[in-house]
Protein backbone atom coordinates (compact mmCIF):
# COMPACT_ATOMS: atom_id res chain seq x y z
CA MET A 1 85.32 184.02 153.92
CA SER A 2 83.68 181.17 156.04
CA PHE A 3 86.08 179.14 158.35
CA LEU A 4 85.87 176.03 156.27
CA ASN A 5 86.44 177.73 152.96
CA THR A 6 89.52 179.48 154.53
CA LYS A 7 90.85 176.05 155.71
CA GLU A 8 89.89 174.54 152.21
CA ASN A 9 92.02 177.26 150.47
CA TYR A 10 94.94 176.65 152.80
CA ILE A 11 94.99 172.94 151.99
CA LYS A 12 94.95 173.74 148.35
CA THR A 13 97.91 176.12 148.54
CA LYS A 14 99.70 173.41 150.48
CA LEU A 15 98.82 170.82 147.63
CA GLU A 16 100.25 173.30 145.12
CA GLU A 17 103.38 173.57 147.16
CA MET A 18 103.66 169.69 146.63
CA GLY A 19 103.25 170.07 142.97
CA LEU A 20 99.42 168.83 143.13
CA LYS A 21 96.82 170.88 141.45
CA SER A 22 93.19 170.37 142.68
CA GLU A 23 90.26 172.25 141.25
CA LYS A 24 88.35 171.86 144.44
CA VAL A 25 89.21 170.89 148.07
CA SER A 26 86.20 169.93 150.16
CA ILE A 27 86.32 169.38 153.98
CA VAL A 28 83.31 167.27 154.82
CA PRO A 29 81.77 166.01 158.15
CA SER A 30 83.52 162.65 158.93
CA SER A 31 81.67 159.41 158.72
CA LYS A 32 83.53 158.28 161.88
CA PRO A 33 83.65 161.35 164.26
CA GLU A 34 85.58 159.09 166.75
CA PHE A 35 88.66 159.48 164.48
CA GLY A 36 88.13 163.05 163.45
CA GLU A 37 85.18 165.51 163.14
CA PHE A 38 85.86 166.18 159.51
CA GLN A 39 87.63 164.60 156.66
CA TYR A 40 89.58 165.57 153.55
CA ASN A 41 89.18 162.76 151.06
CA GLY A 42 90.72 164.25 147.79
CA ILE A 43 94.24 162.63 148.02
CA MET A 44 93.37 159.39 146.40
CA ALA A 45 92.40 161.15 143.09
CA LEU A 46 95.50 163.34 143.15
CA ALA A 47 97.79 160.30 143.87
CA LYS A 48 96.07 158.48 140.94
CA ASP A 49 96.80 161.54 138.54
CA SER A 50 100.30 161.88 139.93
CA LYS A 51 100.99 158.10 139.98
CA LYS A 52 102.20 158.50 143.52
CA ASN A 53 101.50 156.41 146.85
CA PRO A 54 98.21 158.05 148.44
CA ARG A 55 99.22 157.42 152.02
CA GLU A 56 102.60 159.00 151.49
CA LEU A 57 101.05 162.10 149.93
CA ALA A 58 98.58 162.18 152.80
CA GLU A 59 101.46 162.05 155.44
CA GLU A 60 103.41 164.79 153.34
CA LEU A 61 100.27 166.97 153.34
CA ILE A 62 99.76 166.55 157.14
CA GLU A 63 103.36 167.53 157.72
CA LYS A 64 102.73 170.76 155.90
CA LEU A 65 99.64 171.49 157.79
CA LYS A 66 100.71 170.69 161.22
CA ASP A 67 102.04 174.38 162.09
CA ASP A 68 98.38 175.61 161.64
CA LYS A 69 97.02 175.96 165.18
CA ASP A 70 93.47 175.65 164.20
CA PHE A 71 94.05 171.97 163.43
CA GLU A 72 94.19 170.01 166.78
CA ASN A 73 94.79 166.69 165.32
CA LEU A 74 95.29 165.23 161.83
CA SER A 75 95.60 161.51 160.95
CA VAL A 76 95.54 159.28 157.99
CA ALA A 77 93.05 156.57 157.67
CA GLY A 78 92.67 153.86 155.01
CA PRO A 79 94.31 154.39 151.75
CA GLY A 80 94.61 158.24 152.20
CA PHE A 81 91.65 159.74 154.00
CA ILE A 82 92.78 162.58 156.27
CA ASN A 83 90.94 162.87 159.56
CA ILE A 84 90.73 166.39 160.79
CA THR A 85 89.94 167.69 164.30
CA PHE A 86 89.69 171.39 164.88
CA SER A 87 90.96 173.08 168.07
CA LYS A 88 88.44 174.55 170.66
CA GLN A 89 90.30 177.66 170.47
CA SER A 90 89.78 178.00 166.64
CA LEU A 91 85.92 177.37 167.12
CA MET A 92 85.79 180.00 169.91
CA ASN A 93 87.46 182.45 167.46
CA LEU A 94 84.96 181.68 164.91
CA GLY A 95 82.29 182.31 167.32
CA ASN A 96 83.65 185.64 168.57
CA GLY A 97 84.26 186.63 164.94
CA LEU A 98 80.38 185.91 164.20
CA LEU A 99 79.30 187.88 167.28
CA GLN A 100 81.59 191.01 166.14
CA THR A 101 80.79 191.00 162.50
CA LYS A 102 77.34 189.76 162.46
CA GLU A 103 78.14 188.35 159.10
CA TYR A 104 77.01 184.76 159.25
CA ILE A 105 76.69 184.12 155.50
CA GLU A 106 79.27 184.69 152.72
CA LYS A 107 78.21 186.40 149.43
CA LEU A 108 78.79 184.61 146.15
CA PRO A 109 79.81 186.45 142.93
CA LYS A 110 76.82 188.39 141.86
CA LYS A 111 74.29 187.17 139.19
CA LYS A 112 70.90 188.47 137.93
CA VAL A 113 68.21 185.86 138.09
CA ILE A 114 64.64 185.64 137.29
CA ILE A 115 62.64 183.04 139.09
CA ASP A 116 59.27 182.10 137.59
CA TYR A 117 57.09 180.39 140.19
CA GLY A 118 53.46 180.33 141.28
CA GLY A 119 51.81 179.99 137.97
CA PRO A 120 48.25 179.76 139.13
CA ASN A 121 45.39 180.18 136.56
CA VAL A 122 43.02 182.95 136.99
CA ALA A 123 39.51 182.04 138.12
CA LYS A 124 40.65 178.71 139.38
CA VAL A 125 41.04 177.59 143.00
CA LEU A 126 44.70 177.54 144.47
CA HIS A 127 45.33 174.00 145.37
CA VAL A 128 48.11 172.14 147.20
CA GLY A 129 50.09 171.94 144.05
CA HIS A 130 50.30 175.75 144.11
CA LEU A 131 51.80 175.53 147.66
CA ARG A 132 54.81 173.59 146.40
CA SER A 133 55.64 176.17 143.78
CA ALA A 134 55.14 179.14 146.21
CA ASN A 135 57.09 177.41 148.90
CA ILE A 136 60.05 176.44 146.89
CA GLY A 137 60.21 179.50 144.62
CA GLU A 138 59.93 181.87 147.55
CA ALA A 139 62.57 180.20 149.51
CA LEU A 140 64.92 179.94 146.35
CA LYS A 141 64.42 183.80 145.84
CA ARG A 142 65.33 184.46 149.27
CA LEU A 143 68.24 182.22 149.53
CA ALA A 144 69.64 183.55 146.29
CA LYS A 145 69.33 187.18 147.59
CA LYS A 146 70.89 186.24 150.92
CA LEU A 147 73.96 184.96 148.89
CA GLY A 148 74.28 188.04 146.92
CA TYR A 149 72.37 187.49 143.85
CA GLU A 150 69.99 190.15 142.09
CA VAL A 151 66.77 188.39 142.03
CA ILE A 152 63.49 189.20 140.21
CA SER A 153 60.40 186.98 140.84
CA ASP A 154 57.50 186.68 138.55
CA ILE A 155 54.12 184.83 139.29
CA HIS A 156 53.43 184.31 135.64
CA LEU A 157 49.67 183.91 135.79
CA GLY A 158 47.72 181.61 133.49
CA ASP A 159 45.37 184.29 132.23
CA TYR A 160 45.12 184.07 128.51
CA GLY A 161 44.47 180.41 127.36
CA LEU A 162 41.39 178.36 126.46
CA GLN A 163 40.28 178.25 130.14
CA MET A 164 39.38 181.97 129.86
CA GLY A 165 37.30 181.47 126.76
CA MET A 166 35.47 178.66 128.65
CA ILE A 167 34.78 180.77 131.78
CA MET A 168 33.58 183.71 129.52
CA LEU A 169 31.26 181.64 127.60
CA GLU A 170 29.83 180.08 130.79
CA ILE A 171 29.25 183.64 132.26
CA GLU A 172 27.63 184.62 128.69
CA THR A 173 25.22 181.60 129.14
CA ARG A 174 24.28 182.36 132.75
CA TYR A 175 24.19 186.25 132.40
CA PRO A 176 23.15 186.93 128.69
CA THR A 177 22.02 190.35 129.48
CA LEU A 178 25.50 191.75 130.77
CA SER A 179 26.39 194.62 128.84
CA CYS A 180 29.69 193.03 127.24
CA PHE A 181 27.13 190.69 125.33
CA GLN A 182 24.93 193.56 123.93
CA GLU A 183 25.30 195.83 121.06
CA ASN A 184 25.17 198.73 123.37
CA PHE A 185 28.34 197.67 125.17
CA ASN A 186 29.28 199.93 128.26
CA GLU A 187 32.71 199.14 129.61
CA GLU A 188 32.06 200.74 133.00
CA GLU A 189 29.01 198.46 133.63
CA VAL A 190 31.30 195.42 133.11
CA LYS A 191 33.37 196.62 136.07
CA ASP A 192 30.74 195.66 138.39
CA LEU A 193 29.87 192.06 137.55
CA PRO A 194 27.45 190.38 140.05
CA ILE A 195 30.13 187.61 140.43
CA THR A 196 32.45 186.58 143.39
CA ASN A 197 35.80 184.85 143.45
CA GLU A 198 33.78 181.84 144.69
CA ASP A 199 31.44 182.03 141.79
CA LEU A 200 34.48 182.08 139.44
CA ILE A 201 35.89 178.97 140.90
CA ASP A 202 32.64 177.22 140.70
CA LEU A 203 32.24 178.21 137.04
CA TYR A 204 35.37 176.69 135.62
CA PRO A 205 34.84 172.93 136.25
CA ILE A 206 31.34 173.22 134.94
CA ALA A 207 32.40 175.29 131.85
CA SER A 208 35.28 172.72 131.07
CA GLN A 209 33.08 169.67 131.39
CA LYS A 210 30.39 171.20 128.90
CA ALA A 211 33.16 172.02 126.58
CA LYS A 212 34.66 168.45 126.66
CA GLU A 213 31.10 166.85 126.18
CA ASN A 214 30.04 169.29 123.38
CA GLU A 215 32.10 170.14 120.34
CA SER A 216 30.13 173.07 119.26
CA ILE A 217 30.53 174.46 122.91
CA MET A 218 34.38 173.84 122.56
CA GLU A 219 34.36 175.59 119.30
CA ARG A 220 32.61 178.62 120.72
CA ALA A 221 34.98 178.78 123.60
CA ARG A 222 37.94 178.74 121.21
CA ASN A 223 36.41 181.52 119.26
CA ILE A 224 35.96 183.61 122.37
CA THR A 225 39.75 182.92 123.19
CA TYR A 226 40.67 183.86 119.69
CA LEU A 227 38.55 187.26 120.19
CA LEU A 228 40.18 187.83 123.51
CA GLN A 229 43.75 187.44 121.95
CA GLN A 230 42.68 189.87 119.13
CA ASN A 231 41.76 192.53 121.74
CA ASP A 232 38.02 192.44 121.16
CA PRO A 233 36.86 195.39 123.49
CA ARG A 234 33.75 193.46 124.93
CA TYR A 235 35.85 190.30 126.13
CA LYS A 236 38.88 192.35 127.04
CA ALA A 237 36.58 194.36 129.47
CA LEU A 238 35.22 191.09 130.83
CA TRP A 239 38.66 189.60 131.19
CA ASN A 240 39.84 192.64 133.10
CA THR A 241 37.05 192.32 135.55
CA ILE A 242 37.61 188.57 135.94
CA LEU A 243 41.26 189.20 136.66
CA LYS A 244 40.55 191.74 139.33
CA ILE A 245 38.19 189.59 141.29
CA SER A 246 40.45 186.58 141.02
CA LEU A 247 43.67 188.44 141.86
CA LYS A 248 42.31 190.04 145.10
CA ASP A 249 41.63 186.51 146.67
CA MET A 250 44.96 185.27 145.28
CA LYS A 251 47.01 187.99 146.72
CA ASP A 252 45.39 187.60 150.10
CA LEU A 253 46.20 183.82 150.08
CA TYR A 254 49.82 184.37 149.00
CA GLN A 255 50.23 187.02 151.77
CA LYS A 256 49.22 184.42 154.21
CA LEU A 257 51.95 182.26 152.99
CA ASN A 258 54.54 185.00 153.19
CA VAL A 259 54.96 184.73 149.46
CA GLU A 260 55.82 188.00 147.49
CA PHE A 261 56.25 188.58 143.89
CA ASP A 262 58.27 191.45 142.19
CA LEU A 263 56.13 190.92 139.06
CA TRP A 264 52.49 190.05 138.80
CA LYS A 265 52.63 189.48 135.02
CA GLY A 266 50.81 186.66 133.03
CA GLU A 267 50.67 184.98 129.72
CA SER A 268 48.69 187.94 128.51
CA ASP A 269 51.60 190.33 129.05
CA ALA A 270 53.44 188.39 126.23
CA GLU A 271 50.74 189.29 123.80
CA LYS A 272 52.13 192.67 122.94
CA VAL A 273 55.49 191.26 122.02
CA ILE A 274 54.28 188.14 120.00
CA PRO A 275 53.90 190.00 116.60
CA GLU A 276 57.39 191.41 117.04
CA MET A 277 58.80 187.88 117.92
CA ILE A 278 56.89 186.13 115.16
CA GLU A 279 58.31 188.59 112.74
CA TYR A 280 61.90 187.82 114.02
CA LEU A 281 61.20 184.06 113.70
CA GLU A 282 60.15 184.36 110.29
CA GLN A 283 63.38 186.30 109.28
CA LYS A 284 65.29 183.48 111.08
CA ASN A 285 63.53 180.98 108.63
CA VAL A 286 62.69 178.59 111.66
CA ILE A 287 59.01 178.21 111.39
CA LYS A 288 57.33 175.30 109.59
CA GLU A 289 53.87 174.55 108.50
CA SER A 290 52.17 171.47 110.07
CA GLU A 291 48.50 170.62 109.46
CA GLY A 292 47.50 174.04 109.35
CA ALA A 293 49.51 175.02 112.36
CA ARG A 294 53.04 176.82 112.67
CA VAL A 295 55.73 175.07 114.61
CA ILE A 296 59.42 175.31 115.35
CA GLU A 297 61.30 171.91 115.18
CA VAL A 298 63.37 171.15 118.40
CA GLU A 299 64.17 167.49 118.38
CA GLU A 300 67.94 166.68 118.48
CA ASN A 301 69.85 163.61 117.28
CA THR A 302 70.75 162.56 120.85
CA ASP A 303 67.16 162.40 122.04
CA LYS A 304 66.27 158.91 123.37
CA LEU A 305 62.47 159.67 123.34
CA PRO A 306 60.75 161.85 120.73
CA VAL A 307 60.47 165.52 121.39
CA PRO A 308 57.44 167.18 119.51
CA PRO A 309 57.90 170.44 117.80
CA LEU A 310 57.02 173.61 119.67
CA LEU A 311 53.47 174.75 118.65
CA LEU A 312 53.82 178.32 117.93
CA ILE A 313 50.32 179.19 116.23
CA LYS A 314 47.31 176.60 116.31
CA SER A 315 45.42 175.80 113.30
CA ASN A 316 42.53 178.06 114.53
CA LYS A 317 45.18 181.04 114.54
CA THR A 318 45.19 181.25 118.49
CA VAL A 319 48.59 181.20 120.26
CA SER A 320 49.65 178.23 122.30
CA TYR A 321 51.05 178.16 125.98
CA GLU A 322 54.52 177.41 124.35
CA THR A 323 54.29 180.56 122.39
CA THR A 324 53.43 182.74 125.45
CA ASP A 325 56.29 181.20 127.33
CA LEU A 326 58.69 181.79 124.54
CA ALA A 327 57.52 185.47 124.19
CA THR A 328 57.96 186.03 127.83
CA LEU A 329 61.58 184.86 127.53
CA TRP A 330 61.86 187.29 124.51
CA GLU A 331 60.49 190.09 126.76
CA ARG A 332 62.58 189.07 129.85
CA GLU A 333 65.83 189.13 127.82
CA LYS A 334 65.12 192.46 126.26
CA GLU A 335 63.90 194.08 129.61
CA TYR A 336 66.26 192.42 132.19
CA HIS A 337 69.15 190.62 130.46
CA PRO A 338 69.31 188.00 133.05
CA ASP A 339 72.13 185.64 133.66
CA GLU A 340 69.84 182.88 134.68
CA VAL A 341 66.06 182.09 134.49
CA TRP A 342 64.70 179.49 136.73
CA TYR A 343 61.33 177.84 136.46
CA VAL A 344 59.77 176.19 139.66
CA VAL A 345 57.09 173.96 138.32
CA ASP A 346 55.63 170.49 138.38
CA LYS A 347 58.13 168.01 137.39
CA ARG A 348 55.48 166.63 134.90
CA GLN A 349 55.90 169.81 132.77
CA GLU A 350 59.54 169.03 131.95
CA LEU A 351 58.86 168.24 128.19
CA HIS A 352 57.05 171.47 127.76
CA PHE A 353 60.08 173.43 128.98
CA THR A 354 62.52 171.22 127.11
CA GLN A 355 60.76 172.49 123.96
CA VAL A 356 60.48 176.14 125.07
CA PHE A 357 64.31 176.22 126.12
CA ARG A 358 65.48 174.49 122.98
CA ALA A 359 63.44 176.84 120.82
CA SER A 360 64.66 179.98 122.59
CA LYS A 361 68.41 178.85 122.14
CA LYS A 362 68.07 177.58 118.51
CA THR A 363 66.30 180.86 117.54
CA GLU A 364 68.86 183.01 119.61
CA ILE A 365 66.14 184.63 121.54
CA ILE A 366 68.10 183.70 124.66
CA LYS A 367 71.83 184.01 124.59
CA GLU A 368 73.86 180.84 124.62
CA ASN A 369 75.56 181.66 127.79
CA THR A 370 72.24 182.38 129.63
CA THR A 371 71.30 179.52 131.87
CA LEU A 372 67.57 178.33 131.58
CA GLU A 373 66.80 175.78 134.51
CA PHE A 374 63.77 173.68 135.02
CA ILE A 375 63.27 173.01 138.75
CA GLY A 376 60.74 170.45 138.80
CA PHE A 377 58.94 169.15 142.11
CA GLY A 378 56.98 166.19 143.02
CA THR A 379 53.43 165.96 144.58
CA MET A 380 52.35 166.49 148.25
CA ASN A 381 50.22 163.34 149.06
CA SER A 382 47.83 162.47 151.83
CA SER A 383 48.37 159.28 153.95
CA ASP A 384 47.05 156.99 151.17
CA GLY A 385 49.88 158.09 148.98
CA ARG A 386 47.67 160.02 146.65
CA PRO A 387 47.09 163.63 145.97
CA PHE A 388 45.06 165.47 148.72
CA LYS A 389 41.28 165.34 147.76
CA THR A 390 38.22 166.69 149.43
CA ARG A 391 35.47 164.27 150.75
CA ALA A 392 33.66 164.83 147.46
CA GLY A 393 36.69 163.54 145.50
CA GLY A 394 37.81 166.84 144.17
CA VAL A 395 41.15 168.54 144.39
CA MET A 396 41.74 169.96 147.81
CA SER A 397 41.89 173.86 148.01
CA LEU A 398 45.02 175.34 149.64
CA ARG A 399 42.81 177.12 152.09
CA ASN A 400 41.02 173.82 153.25
CA LEU A 401 44.55 172.27 153.83
CA MET A 402 45.61 175.23 155.83
CA ASP A 403 42.51 174.95 158.01
CA ILE A 404 43.11 171.25 158.73
CA VAL A 405 46.85 172.07 159.82
CA LYS A 406 45.61 174.94 161.85
CA THR A 407 43.16 172.63 163.74
CA GLU A 408 46.16 170.34 164.44
CA THR A 409 48.63 173.01 165.35
CA GLU A 410 46.17 174.56 167.83
CA LYS A 411 45.87 171.28 169.75
CA ASN A 412 49.54 171.69 170.79
CA MET A 413 49.37 175.30 171.96
CA ILE A 414 49.40 176.14 175.48
CA PRO A 415 45.92 176.61 177.15
CA SER A 416 46.79 180.12 178.43
CA ILE A 417 46.84 181.62 174.89
CA THR A 418 43.14 182.55 174.11
CA GLY A 419 40.87 184.42 171.87
CA LYS A 420 42.14 186.47 169.02
CA GLU A 421 45.70 185.82 169.92
CA ARG A 422 45.22 182.13 169.76
CA GLU A 423 43.49 182.41 166.41
CA GLU A 424 46.36 184.52 164.99
CA LEU A 425 49.14 182.55 166.40
CA ALA A 426 47.65 179.20 165.39
CA GLU A 427 47.49 180.57 161.80
CA VAL A 428 51.19 181.62 161.93
CA ILE A 429 52.26 178.21 163.37
CA ALA A 430 50.29 176.26 160.68
CA VAL A 431 51.80 178.24 157.90
CA GLY A 432 55.32 177.49 159.38
CA THR A 433 54.24 173.80 159.91
CA LEU A 434 53.16 173.50 156.20
CA LYS A 435 56.13 175.23 154.78
CA PHE A 436 58.81 173.30 156.74
CA ALA A 437 57.24 169.86 155.98
CA ASP A 438 56.96 170.90 152.33
CA LEU A 439 60.60 171.69 152.14
CA LEU A 440 61.92 168.88 154.15
CA SER A 441 62.32 166.34 151.27
CA HIS A 442 64.19 166.94 148.17
CA ARG A 443 62.00 169.02 145.91
CA ALA A 444 61.62 166.27 143.25
CA THR A 445 60.37 163.80 145.66
CA ASP A 446 56.66 162.92 146.04
CA TYR A 447 56.02 162.83 149.84
CA ILE A 448 53.31 162.10 152.32
CA PHE A 449 51.99 165.09 154.51
CA ASP A 450 50.70 163.86 157.66
CA PRO A 451 49.03 166.98 159.51
CA GLU A 452 49.17 165.27 162.93
CA LYS A 453 52.82 164.15 162.52
CA PHE A 454 54.21 167.50 161.22
CA SER A 455 52.30 169.61 163.77
CA ASP A 456 54.08 167.82 166.68
CA ALA A 457 56.80 169.81 168.39
CA ASN A 458 58.89 166.85 169.15
CA GLY A 459 60.09 165.55 165.58
CA LYS A 460 61.74 166.92 162.66
CA THR A 461 59.03 169.58 162.19
CA GLY A 462 58.51 173.32 161.80
CA PRO A 463 56.81 173.62 165.26
CA PHE A 464 60.20 171.97 166.76
CA ILE A 465 62.33 174.63 165.15
CA MET A 466 60.01 177.42 165.99
CA TYR A 467 59.75 176.13 169.73
CA SER A 468 63.49 175.89 170.11
CA THR A 469 64.00 179.37 168.63
CA ILE A 470 61.51 180.84 171.03
CA ARG A 471 63.21 179.18 173.92
CA MET A 472 66.63 180.57 172.89
CA ARG A 473 64.90 184.12 172.48
CA SER A 474 63.48 183.84 176.07
CA LEU A 475 66.84 182.65 177.45
CA LEU A 476 68.77 185.71 175.84
CA GLN A 477 65.96 188.05 177.27
CA LYS A 478 66.56 186.65 180.91
CA ALA A 479 70.19 187.26 180.22
CA LYS A 480 69.63 190.74 179.37
CA GLU A 481 67.41 191.17 182.37
CA LEU A 482 70.36 189.85 184.56
CA ASN A 483 72.56 192.47 182.85
CA ILE A 484 74.70 189.79 181.09
CA GLU A 485 75.48 191.68 177.97
CA GLU A 486 79.09 191.54 177.27
CA ILE A 487 79.08 187.91 175.92
CA GLU A 488 82.08 186.44 174.28
CA PHE A 489 83.82 182.84 173.82
CA LYS A 490 86.26 182.42 176.62
CA THR A 491 86.06 178.80 177.23
CA LEU A 492 84.08 175.70 176.46
CA LYS A 493 83.23 173.07 179.04
CA GLY A 494 83.46 169.82 176.80
CA THR A 495 81.75 167.93 173.97
CA SER A 496 78.06 169.23 173.86
CA ASP A 497 79.06 172.90 173.45
CA LYS A 498 81.80 172.09 171.12
CA LYS A 499 79.39 169.99 168.87
CA VAL A 500 77.06 173.02 168.48
CA LEU A 501 79.96 175.02 167.27
CA LEU A 502 80.98 172.20 164.80
CA GLN A 503 77.47 172.45 163.29
CA ILE A 504 77.69 176.11 162.91
CA LEU A 505 80.80 175.38 160.70
CA ASN A 506 78.71 173.76 158.00
CA LEU A 507 76.31 176.83 157.63
CA GLN A 508 77.92 178.29 154.48
CA LYS A 509 78.25 174.75 152.79
CA THR A 510 74.65 174.13 153.53
CA LEU A 511 73.56 177.30 151.77
CA GLU A 512 75.73 176.80 148.77
CA ASN A 513 74.68 173.25 148.54
CA ALA A 514 70.93 174.22 148.54
CA LEU A 515 71.49 176.82 145.93
CA GLU A 516 73.28 174.48 143.76
CA GLU A 517 70.71 171.60 144.14
CA LYS A 518 67.86 174.14 144.07
CA SER A 519 66.34 172.17 146.98
CA LEU A 520 65.74 173.47 150.42
CA HIS A 521 66.01 170.15 152.28
CA GLU A 522 69.58 171.03 152.99
CA ILE A 523 68.42 173.80 155.12
CA THR A 524 65.57 172.22 156.73
CA ASN A 525 67.73 169.39 157.71
CA TYR A 526 70.62 171.57 158.86
CA LEU A 527 68.13 173.48 161.09
CA TYR A 528 66.98 170.23 162.72
CA ASN A 529 70.54 169.04 163.32
CA LEU A 530 71.68 172.17 164.61
CA ASN A 531 68.78 172.80 166.99
CA ASN A 532 68.90 168.91 168.07
CA THR A 533 72.35 169.37 168.88
CA TYR A 534 71.80 172.72 170.70
CA ASN A 535 68.84 171.23 172.73
CA ASN A 536 71.02 168.40 173.79
CA PHE A 537 73.56 170.91 174.99
CA TYR A 538 70.84 172.81 176.76
CA SER A 539 69.40 169.98 178.64
CA GLU A 540 72.85 169.12 180.01
CA ASN A 541 73.80 172.42 181.24
CA ARG A 542 72.30 175.25 183.42
CA ILE A 543 73.32 178.16 181.35
CA LEU A 544 72.16 181.17 183.13
CA THR A 545 73.18 179.74 186.61
CA ALA A 546 76.68 178.41 185.68
CA GLU A 547 79.14 179.29 188.57
CA ASN A 548 81.82 179.91 186.11
CA GLU A 549 81.34 183.37 184.77
CA ASP A 550 83.48 182.83 181.60
CA LEU A 551 81.43 179.51 180.86
CA LYS A 552 78.28 181.37 181.43
CA LYS A 553 78.99 184.17 178.88
CA SER A 554 80.38 181.70 176.34
CA TRP A 555 77.15 179.64 176.59
CA ILE A 556 75.05 182.67 176.26
CA ALA A 557 77.14 183.62 173.16
CA LEU A 558 76.66 180.17 171.74
CA THR A 559 72.74 180.55 172.19
CA LYS A 560 72.83 184.10 170.52
CA ILE A 561 74.62 182.61 167.40
CA VAL A 562 72.23 179.65 167.07
CA TYR A 563 69.27 181.99 167.66
CA GLU A 564 70.53 184.29 164.92
CA ILE A 565 71.21 181.46 162.50
CA ASN A 566 67.69 180.20 163.17
CA THR A 567 66.00 183.39 162.53
CA GLN A 568 68.06 184.04 159.37
CA LEU A 569 67.21 180.50 157.94
CA LEU A 570 63.53 180.68 158.98
CA ASN A 571 63.41 184.01 157.10
CA ILE A 572 64.99 182.24 154.05
CA LEU A 573 62.29 179.66 154.34
CA ALA A 574 59.56 182.37 154.63
CA ILE A 575 58.52 181.01 157.90
CA GLU A 576 57.35 183.78 160.42
CA LEU A 577 58.50 183.19 164.01
CA PRO A 578 55.41 183.30 166.40
CA THR A 579 55.70 185.20 169.68
CA ARG A 580 54.73 182.04 171.72
CA MET A 581 53.25 178.65 171.31
């Protein structure tokens, strides 16, 4: 158990001895460090419940705690706040325990979680919005695994809707002689389409615009979508080839972002279970007819705004986006029996998921005690406060944004790095820069991404953390070369080294809060504060040349712990550490 958790449990035990019951005891960093490094602020609430004087209760609690040598100083402030200062020895014991066990992170009770993130549409360009879903989803997956959860990640591709009908119609218009559009259809010939991923990306906006401007074209696209969903062999073969072309490029880009999925499923994978699900829903008698369509009512009496019915089957007999998401939940429940399912998606999709979640619970597709969580995120904007655009005014592709950041990060690299190594390291640093900046604010916040600002190694940035970590690695390597290997905490000099250890105390709580909030800003801000505190300590002391051997080994031990925490947290954020910068 982490040090702070141990102390919180100890305080809880002493409160129980006083006849006070507290569900949760929280030791938090002090707002006024000059009076105490940490605070316990729960006495006032307990005093109110027990109708006792809070200052007297605080004094009584301190009396019960004073024999614990981990506490160097305890005092009461205001109406009953308890200021806490931990002893240097308790912090050194903590450090030595970390060095011995190498267990920096405490596991939580096990859960099985499915995380749905990514969600790109096949045959469409990956843009900056896909970056947010990938970054947040991947980091949450890694965080949950680190804290002991069993996690299954699914990209959930958009590969089965009307956009596919539009793209296929445009291909048919441009390449009418393809085998899949002829009576003598040959599936093998369709596998070698004269089309690249770039062609597909160019096709969609043209096809979409044509359909919007011409109802007969739109109707033909809807009909092709219907035929695809009915497993017409010609369109199914064409669809398979489009999927293959698109996924190759998509997987390459996600790999560059250090994003991995356990499942590469899409809306189409729900198709095989839709008939079974519809039959179940009919037996539950929850489907209603509405203007030729079939729907499930999900509005509740407490709704302040209207919540439309979930559209199950459209009037043209095709299935909706809501249907495939509901069927995906049906399949996930049957195959995996998850405790929780998380959806990392644009916050503007909240109404859609409200409909799906309510329908799944109302129809008992998902068990009542299974948690379905909508994890909405805001937009990444350019300096004008608007979403990133190309010079032509279109949505900026993720590759273009990565190239812009790569150019900026390369400006700050040392000149001695040249050639292929410079190219490769610039890409690693650029990805880390993008990721850290993207996770720096609470996920629901819209934020401005300034490539120049976030590429600077002197601010609250990815390059700052990466550079600090590389410097620690270099220091530890030099210590090894000097045969300083048996490191441990034996003494502390003063405030700067102790402050680093105090930052380390907050690690477990930071990770647990990040998991609870489903936001990685807790971790990025912790990394910045930890490294800023360590760098202040580093600049004040000559670690490897300290005359006092005990102090030297203690400082090297401190460096090793911060380095290990950095590498573990960067791994959670899916940020690769470059060899040099």
